[in-house]
Amino acid sequence: MKWITALIIGAILAFTLPMGLGGSGGVWMNGWTSWGTYRPIPGSPGFLFSVPVFLGAALAFRLFFNWHSD
């Protein structure tokens, strides 16, 4: 898997996971998972981006699929 593909999948997960768990008023922002989660558009009620999920997912997908393809 190329880096760009891993980054795109990580970005998709970084947007959908926080929004899927309730957005800014849900479970995601009331626990420890709110660390590293930002609102890319100020004033947006539910549009969130999680930097740790983005980096972790991109790295995990890249490592797993490169190891798996050898």
PDB file of N, CA and C in Angstrom:
ATOM      1  N   MET A   1       0.849  -1.174   0.000  1.00  0.00           N
ATOM      2  CA  MET A   1       0.000   0.000   0.000  1.00  0.00           C
ATOM      3  C   MET A   1       0.892   1.234   0.000  1.00  0.00           C
ATOM      4  N   LYS A   2       0.576   2.156  -0.851  1.00  0.00           N
ATOM      5  CA  LYS A   2       1.345   3.395  -0.918  1.00  0.00           C
ATOM      6  C   LYS A   2       0.922   4.331   0.214  1.00  0.00           C
ATOM      7  N   TRP A   3       1.819   5.290   0.519  1.00  0.00           N
ATOM      8  CA  TRP A   3       1.544   6.225   1.612  1.00  0.00           C
ATOM      9  C   TRP A   3       0.296   7.057   1.359  1.00  0.00           C
ATOM     10  N   ILE A   4       0.083   7.479   0.115  1.00  0.00           N
ATOM     11  CA  ILE A   4      -1.064   8.347  -0.169  1.00  0.00           C
ATOM     12  C   ILE A   4      -2.378   7.609   0.096  1.00  0.00           C
ATOM     13  N   THR A   5      -2.416   6.327  -0.241  1.00  0.00           N
ATOM     14  CA  THR A   5      -3.621   5.533   0.012  1.00  0.00           C
ATOM     15  C   THR A   5      -3.853   5.366   1.505  1.00  0.00           C
ATOM     16  N   ALA A   6      -2.785   5.095   2.248  1.00  0.00           N
ATOM     17  CA  ALA A   6      -2.904   4.945   3.700  1.00  0.00           C
ATOM     18  C   ALA A   6      -3.347   6.255   4.348  1.00  0.00           C
ATOM     19  N   LEU A   7      -2.834   7.377   3.866  1.00  0.00           N
ATOM     20  CA  LEU A   7      -3.228   8.685   4.409  1.00  0.00           C
ATOM     21  C   LEU A   7      -4.688   9.016   4.099  1.00  0.00           C
ATOM     22  N   ILE A   8      -5.135   8.641   2.905  1.00  0.00           N
ATOM     23  CA  ILE A   8      -6.536   8.888   2.550  1.00  0.00           C
ATOM     24  C   ILE A   8      -7.467   8.060   3.426  1.00  0.00           C
ATOM     25  N   ILE A   9      -7.151   6.786   3.624  1.00  0.00           N
ATOM     26  CA  ILE A   9      -7.981   5.941   4.494  1.00  0.00           C
ATOM     27  C   ILE A   9      -7.943   6.459   5.925  1.00  0.00           C
ATOM     28  N   GLY A  10      -6.760   6.881   6.392  1.00  0.00           N
ATOM     29  CA  GLY A  10      -6.649   7.459   7.732  1.00  0.00           C
ATOM     30  C   GLY A  10      -7.468   8.724   7.884  1.00  0.00           C
ATOM     31  N   ALA A  11      -7.491   9.570   6.851  1.00  0.00           N
ATOM     32  CA  ALA A  11      -8.281  10.799   6.905  1.00  0.00           C
ATOM     33  C   ALA A  11      -9.774  10.497   6.937  1.00  0.00           C
ATOM     34  N   ILE A  12     -10.195   9.506   6.170  1.00  0.00           N
ATOM     35  CA  ILE A  12     -11.610   9.121   6.190  1.00  0.00           C
ATOM     36  C   ILE A  12     -12.008   8.631   7.572  1.00  0.00           C
ATOM     37  N   LEU A  13     -11.174   7.781   8.174  1.00  0.00           N
ATOM     38  CA  LEU A  13     -11.469   7.307   9.527  1.00  0.00           C
ATOM     39  C   LEU A  13     -11.423   8.428  10.550  1.00  0.00           C
ATOM     40  N   ALA A  14     -10.497   9.377  10.377  1.00  0.00           N
ATOM     41  CA  ALA A  14     -10.358  10.484  11.327  1.00  0.00           C
ATOM     42  C   ALA A  14     -11.557  11.412  11.314  1.00  0.00           C
ATOM     43  N   PHE A  15     -12.296  11.458  10.214  1.00  0.00           N
ATOM     44  CA  PHE A  15     -13.522  12.252  10.150  1.00  0.00           C
ATOM     45  C   PHE A  15     -14.746  11.447  10.578  1.00  0.00           C
ATOM     46  N   THR A  16     -14.845  10.208  10.114  1.00  0.00           N
ATOM     47  CA  THR A  16     -16.079   9.442  10.346  1.00  0.00           C
ATOM     48  C   THR A  16     -16.195   8.871  11.752  1.00  0.00           C
ATOM     49  N   LEU A  17     -15.091   8.470  12.349  1.00  0.00           N
ATOM     50  CA  LEU A  17     -15.159   7.875  13.688  1.00  0.00           C
ATOM     51  C   LEU A  17     -15.668   8.857  14.752  1.00  0.00           C
ATOM     52  N   PRO A  18     -15.114  10.070  14.859  1.00  0.00           N
ATOM     53  CA  PRO A  18     -15.660  11.010  15.850  1.00  0.00           C
ATOM     54  C   PRO A  18     -17.104  11.412  15.571  1.00  0.00           C
ATOM     55  N   MET A  19     -17.442  11.590  14.285  1.00  0.00           N
ATOM     56  CA  MET A  19     -18.816  11.977  13.964  1.00  0.00           C
ATOM     57  C   MET A  19     -19.779  10.821  14.184  1.00  0.00           C
ATOM     58  N   GLY A  20     -19.326   9.597  13.954  1.00  0.00           N
ATOM     59  CA  GLY A  20     -20.168   8.435  14.163  1.00  0.00           C
ATOM     60  C   GLY A  20     -20.448   8.159  15.631  1.00  0.00           C
ATOM     61  N   LEU A  21     -19.582   8.643  16.492  1.00  0.00           N
ATOM     62  CA  LEU A  21     -19.761   8.453  17.938  1.00  0.00           C
ATOM     63  C   LEU A  21     -20.347   9.689  18.612  1.00  0.00           C
ATOM     64  N   GLY A  22     -21.128  10.444  17.903  1.00  0.00           N
ATOM     65  CA  GLY A  22     -21.894  11.518  18.517  1.00  0.00           C
ATOM     66  C   GLY A  22     -21.467  12.924  18.216  1.00  0.00           C
ATOM     67  N   GLY A  23     -20.375  13.106  17.508  1.00  0.00           N
ATOM     68  CA  GLY A  23     -19.938  14.465  17.193  1.00  0.00           C
ATOM     69  C   GLY A  23     -19.460  15.212  18.422  1.00  0.00           C
ATOM     70  N   SER A  24     -19.641  16.521  18.421  1.00  0.00           N
ATOM     71  CA  SER A  24     -19.109  17.343  19.510  1.00  0.00           C
ATOM     72  C   SER A  24     -19.869  17.183  20.816  1.00  0.00           C
ATOM     73  N   GLY A  25     -21.083  16.674  20.787  1.00  0.00           N
ATOM     74  CA  GLY A  25     -21.843  16.488  22.020  1.00  0.00           C
ATOM     75  C   GLY A  25     -21.954  15.040  22.447  1.00  0.00           C
ATOM     76  N   GLY A  26     -21.230  14.172  21.780  1.00  0.00           N
ATOM     77  CA  GLY A  26     -21.372  12.747  22.048  1.00  0.00           C
ATOM     78  C   GLY A  26     -20.271  12.169  22.909  1.00  0.00           C
ATOM     79  N   VAL A  27     -20.184  10.865  22.851  1.00  0.00           N
ATOM     80  CA  VAL A  27     -19.236  10.102  23.661  1.00  0.00           C
ATOM     81  C   VAL A  27     -17.795  10.458  23.324  1.00  0.00           C
ATOM     82  N   TRP A  28     -17.526  10.720  22.056  1.00  0.00           N
ATOM     83  CA  TRP A  28     -16.146  10.966  21.623  1.00  0.00           C
ATOM     84  C   TRP A  28     -15.522  12.162  22.333  1.00  0.00           C
ATOM     85  N   MET A  29     -16.243  13.255  22.477  1.00  0.00           N
ATOM     86  CA  MET A  29     -15.676  14.461  23.069  1.00  0.00           C
ATOM     87  C   MET A  29     -15.784  14.502  24.586  1.00  0.00           C
ATOM     88  N   ASN A  30     -16.474  13.548  25.204  1.00  0.00           N
ATOM     89  CA  ASN A  30     -16.615  13.533  26.656  1.00  0.00           C
ATOM     90  C   ASN A  30     -15.619  12.616  27.349  1.00  0.00           C
ATOM     91  N   GLY A  31     -14.793  11.922  26.614  1.00  0.00           N
ATOM     92  CA  GLY A  31     -13.829  11.001  27.210  1.00  0.00           C
ATOM     93  C   GLY A  31     -12.406  11.378  26.856  1.00  0.00           C
ATOM     94  N   TRP A  32     -11.509  10.417  27.067  1.00  0.00           N
ATOM     95  CA  TRP A  32     -10.095  10.649  26.778  1.00  0.00           C
ATOM     96  C   TRP A  32      -9.836  10.755  25.284  1.00  0.00           C
ATOM     97  N   THR A  33     -10.788  10.309  24.471  1.00  0.00           N
ATOM     98  CA  THR A  33     -10.613  10.346  23.023  1.00  0.00           C
ATOM     99  C   THR A  33     -10.672  11.762  22.455  1.00  0.00           C
ATOM    100  N   SER A  34     -11.099  12.721  23.256  1.00  0.00           N
ATOM    101  CA  SER A  34     -11.160  14.106  22.761  1.00  0.00           C
ATOM    102  C   SER A  34      -9.771  14.719  22.602  1.00  0.00           C
ATOM    103  N   TRP A  35      -8.755  14.085  23.213  1.00  0.00           N
ATOM    104  CA  TRP A  35      -7.392  14.598  23.081  1.00  0.00           C
ATOM    105  C   TRP A  35      -6.962  14.483  21.619  1.00  0.00           C
ATOM    106  N   GLY A  36      -6.556  15.565  21.034  1.00  0.00           N
ATOM    107  CA  GLY A  36      -6.099  15.570  19.652  1.00  0.00           C
ATOM    108  C   GLY A  36      -7.208  15.687  18.627  1.00  0.00           C
ATOM    109  N   THR A  37      -8.434  15.936  19.070  1.00  0.00           N
ATOM    110  CA  THR A  37      -9.555  16.077  18.147  1.00  0.00           C
ATOM    111  C   THR A  37      -9.849  17.560  17.963  1.00  0.00           C
ATOM    112  N   TYR A  38      -9.929  17.994  16.709  1.00  0.00           N
ATOM    113  CA  TYR A  38     -10.096  19.408  16.393  1.00  0.00           C
ATOM    114  C   TYR A  38     -11.311  19.619  15.510  1.00  0.00           C
ATOM    115  N   ARG A  39     -11.808  20.843  15.538  1.00  0.00           N
ATOM    116  CA  ARG A  39     -12.867  21.268  14.617  1.00  0.00           C
ATOM    117  C   ARG A  39     -12.196  22.012  13.466  1.00  0.00           C
ATOM    118  N   PRO A  40     -12.140  21.409  12.272  1.00  0.00           N
ATOM    119  CA  PRO A  40     -11.484  22.098  11.162  1.00  0.00           C
ATOM    120  C   PRO A  40     -12.237  23.345  10.701  1.00  0.00           C
ATOM    121  N   ILE A  41     -13.539  23.359  10.902  1.00  0.00           N
ATOM    122  CA  ILE A  41     -14.341  24.533  10.553  1.00  0.00           C
ATOM    123  C   ILE A  41     -14.893  25.107  11.852  1.00  0.00           C
ATOM    124  N   PRO A  42     -14.411  26.281  12.292  1.00  0.00           N
ATOM    125  CA  PRO A  42     -14.889  26.850  13.555  1.00  0.00           C
ATOM    126  C   PRO A  42     -16.402  27.063  13.543  1.00  0.00           C
ATOM    127  N   GLY A  43     -17.034  26.734  14.640  1.00  0.00           N
ATOM    128  CA  GLY A  43     -18.471  26.910  14.768  1.00  0.00           C
ATOM    129  C   GLY A  43     -19.287  25.754  14.231  1.00  0.00           C
ATOM    130  N   SER A  44     -18.630  24.773  13.656  1.00  0.00           N
ATOM    131  CA  SER A  44     -19.342  23.613  13.136  1.00  0.00           C
ATOM    132  C   SER A  44     -19.811  22.744  14.307  1.00  0.00           C
ATOM    133  N   PRO A  45     -21.077  22.353  14.333  1.00  0.00           N
ATOM    134  CA  PRO A  45     -21.583  21.598  15.471  1.00  0.00           C
ATOM    135  C   PRO A  45     -21.076  20.161  15.561  1.00  0.00           C
ATOM    136  N   GLY A  46     -20.756  19.524  14.454  1.00  0.00           N
ATOM    137  CA  GLY A  46     -20.385  18.123  14.550  1.00  0.00           C
ATOM    138  C   GLY A  46     -19.233  17.689  13.676  1.00  0.00           C
ATOM    139  N   PHE A  47     -18.616  18.590  12.959  1.00  0.00           N
ATOM    140  CA  PHE A  47     -17.534  18.255  12.041  1.00  0.00           C
ATOM    141  C   PHE A  47     -16.224  18.213  12.813  1.00  0.00           C
ATOM    142  N   LEU A  48     -15.695  17.011  13.072  1.00  0.00           N
ATOM    143  CA  LEU A  48     -14.493  16.837  13.876  1.00  0.00           C
ATOM    144  C   LEU A  48     -13.421  16.086  13.100  1.00  0.00           C
ATOM    145  N   PHE A  49     -12.157  16.305  13.472  1.00  0.00           N
ATOM    146  CA  PHE A  49     -11.025  15.588  12.874  1.00  0.00           C
ATOM    147  C   PHE A  49     -10.099  15.155  13.999  1.00  0.00           C
ATOM    148  N   SER A  50      -9.822  13.869  14.079  1.00  0.00           N
ATOM    149  CA  SER A  50      -8.963  13.323  15.123  1.00  0.00           C
ATOM    150  C   SER A  50      -7.573  13.044  14.563  1.00  0.00           C
ATOM    151  N   VAL A  51      -6.595  13.802  15.006  1.00  0.00           N
ATOM    152  CA  VAL A  51      -5.221  13.643  14.537  1.00  0.00           C
ATOM    153  C   VAL A  51      -4.634  12.294  14.959  1.00  0.00           C
ATOM    154  N   PRO A  52      -4.824  11.824  16.222  1.00  0.00           N
ATOM    155  CA  PRO A  52      -4.280  10.510  16.569  1.00  0.00           C
ATOM    156  C   PRO A  52      -4.868   9.362  15.742  1.00  0.00           C
ATOM    157  N   VAL A  53      -6.151   9.416  15.444  1.00  0.00           N
ATOM    158  CA  VAL A  53      -6.758   8.377  14.596  1.00  0.00           C
ATOM    159  C   VAL A  53      -6.182   8.461  13.183  1.00  0.00           C
ATOM    160  N   PHE A  54      -6.010   9.662  12.664  1.00  0.00           N
ATOM    161  CA  PHE A  54      -5.456   9.858  11.331  1.00  0.00           C
ATOM    162  C   PHE A  54      -4.058   9.254  11.218  1.00  0.00           C
ATOM    163  N   LEU A  55      -3.176   9.635  12.125  1.00  0.00           N
ATOM    164  CA  LEU A  55      -1.797   9.141  12.068  1.00  0.00           C
ATOM    165  C   LEU A  55      -1.707   7.651  12.385  1.00  0.00           C
ATOM    166  N   GLY A  56      -2.442   7.220  13.402  1.00  0.00           N
ATOM    167  CA  GLY A  56      -2.398   5.808  13.794  1.00  0.00           C
ATOM    168  C   GLY A  56      -2.945   4.891  12.723  1.00  0.00           C
ATOM    169  N   ALA A  57      -4.061   5.262  12.127  1.00  0.00           N
ATOM    170  CA  ALA A  57      -4.659   4.422  11.079  1.00  0.00           C
ATOM    171  C   ALA A  57      -3.779   4.394   9.837  1.00  0.00           C
ATOM    172  N   ALA A  58      -3.241   5.533   9.451  1.00  0.00           N
ATOM    173  CA  ALA A  58      -2.376   5.572   8.265  1.00  0.00           C
ATOM    174  C   ALA A  58      -1.139   4.702   8.476  1.00  0.00           C
ATOM    175  N   LEU A  59      -0.515   4.809   9.623  1.00  0.00           N
ATOM    176  CA  LEU A  59       0.664   4.006   9.920  1.00  0.00           C
ATOM    177  C   LEU A  59       0.320   2.520  10.013  1.00  0.00           C
ATOM    178  N   ALA A  60      -0.785   2.191  10.669  1.00  0.00           N
ATOM    179  CA  ALA A  60      -1.186   0.790  10.816  1.00  0.00           C
ATOM    180  C   ALA A  60      -1.515   0.164   9.461  1.00  0.00           C
ATOM    181  N   PHE A  61      -2.271   0.869   8.614  1.00  0.00           N
ATOM    182  CA  PHE A  61      -2.591   0.327   7.294  1.00  0.00           C
ATOM    183  C   PHE A  61      -1.338   0.158   6.447  1.00  0.00           C
ATOM    184  N   ARG A  62      -0.463   1.130   6.494  1.00  0.00           N
ATOM    185  CA  ARG A  62       0.781   1.053   5.715  1.00  0.00           C
ATOM    186  C   ARG A  62       1.640  -0.125   6.172  1.00  0.00           C
ATOM    187  N   LEU A  63       1.851  -0.268   7.467  1.00  0.00           N
ATOM    188  CA  LEU A  63       2.679  -1.363   7.978  1.00  0.00           C
ATOM    189  C   LEU A  63       2.044  -2.721   7.726  1.00  0.00           C
ATOM    190  N   PHE A  64       0.755  -2.849   7.981  1.00  0.00           N
ATOM    191  CA  PHE A  64       0.086  -4.138   7.825  1.00  0.00           C
ATOM    192  C   PHE A  64       0.088  -4.597   6.372  1.00  0.00           C
ATOM    193  N   PHE A  65      -0.297  -3.724   5.455  1.00  0.00           N
ATOM    194  CA  PHE A  65      -0.401  -4.154   4.067  1.00  0.00           C
ATOM    195  C   PHE A  65       0.959  -4.305   3.399  1.00  0.00           C
ATOM    196  N   ASN A  66       1.978  -3.583   3.838  1.00  0.00           N
ATOM    197  CA  ASN A  66       3.321  -3.825   3.311  1.00  0.00           C
ATOM    198  C   ASN A  66       3.865  -5.146   3.824  1.00  0.00           C
ATOM    199  N   TRP A  67       3.598  -5.479   5.073  1.00  0.00           N
ATOM    200  CA  TRP A  67       4.046  -6.756   5.626  1.00  0.00           C
ATOM    201  C   TRP A  67       3.278  -7.895   4.980  1.00  0.00           C
ATOM    202  N   HIS A  68       1.993  -7.697   4.758  1.00  0.00           N
ATOM    203  CA  HIS A  68       1.136  -8.745   4.218  1.00  0.00           C
ATOM    204  C   HIS A  68       1.443  -9.049   2.752  1.00  0.00           C
ATOM    205  N   SER A  69       1.925  -8.066   2.012  1.00  0.00           N
ATOM    206  CA  SER A  69       2.169  -8.277   0.576  1.00  0.00           C
ATOM    207  C   SER A  69       3.504  -8.945   0.278  1.00  0.00           C
ATOM    208  N   ASP A  70       4.393  -9.031   1.260  1.00  0.00           N
ATOM    209  CA  ASP A  70       5.696  -9.670   1.025  1.00  0.00           C
ATOM    210  C   ASP A  70       5.615 -11.168   1.067  1.00  0.00           C
TER     211      ASP A  70
END
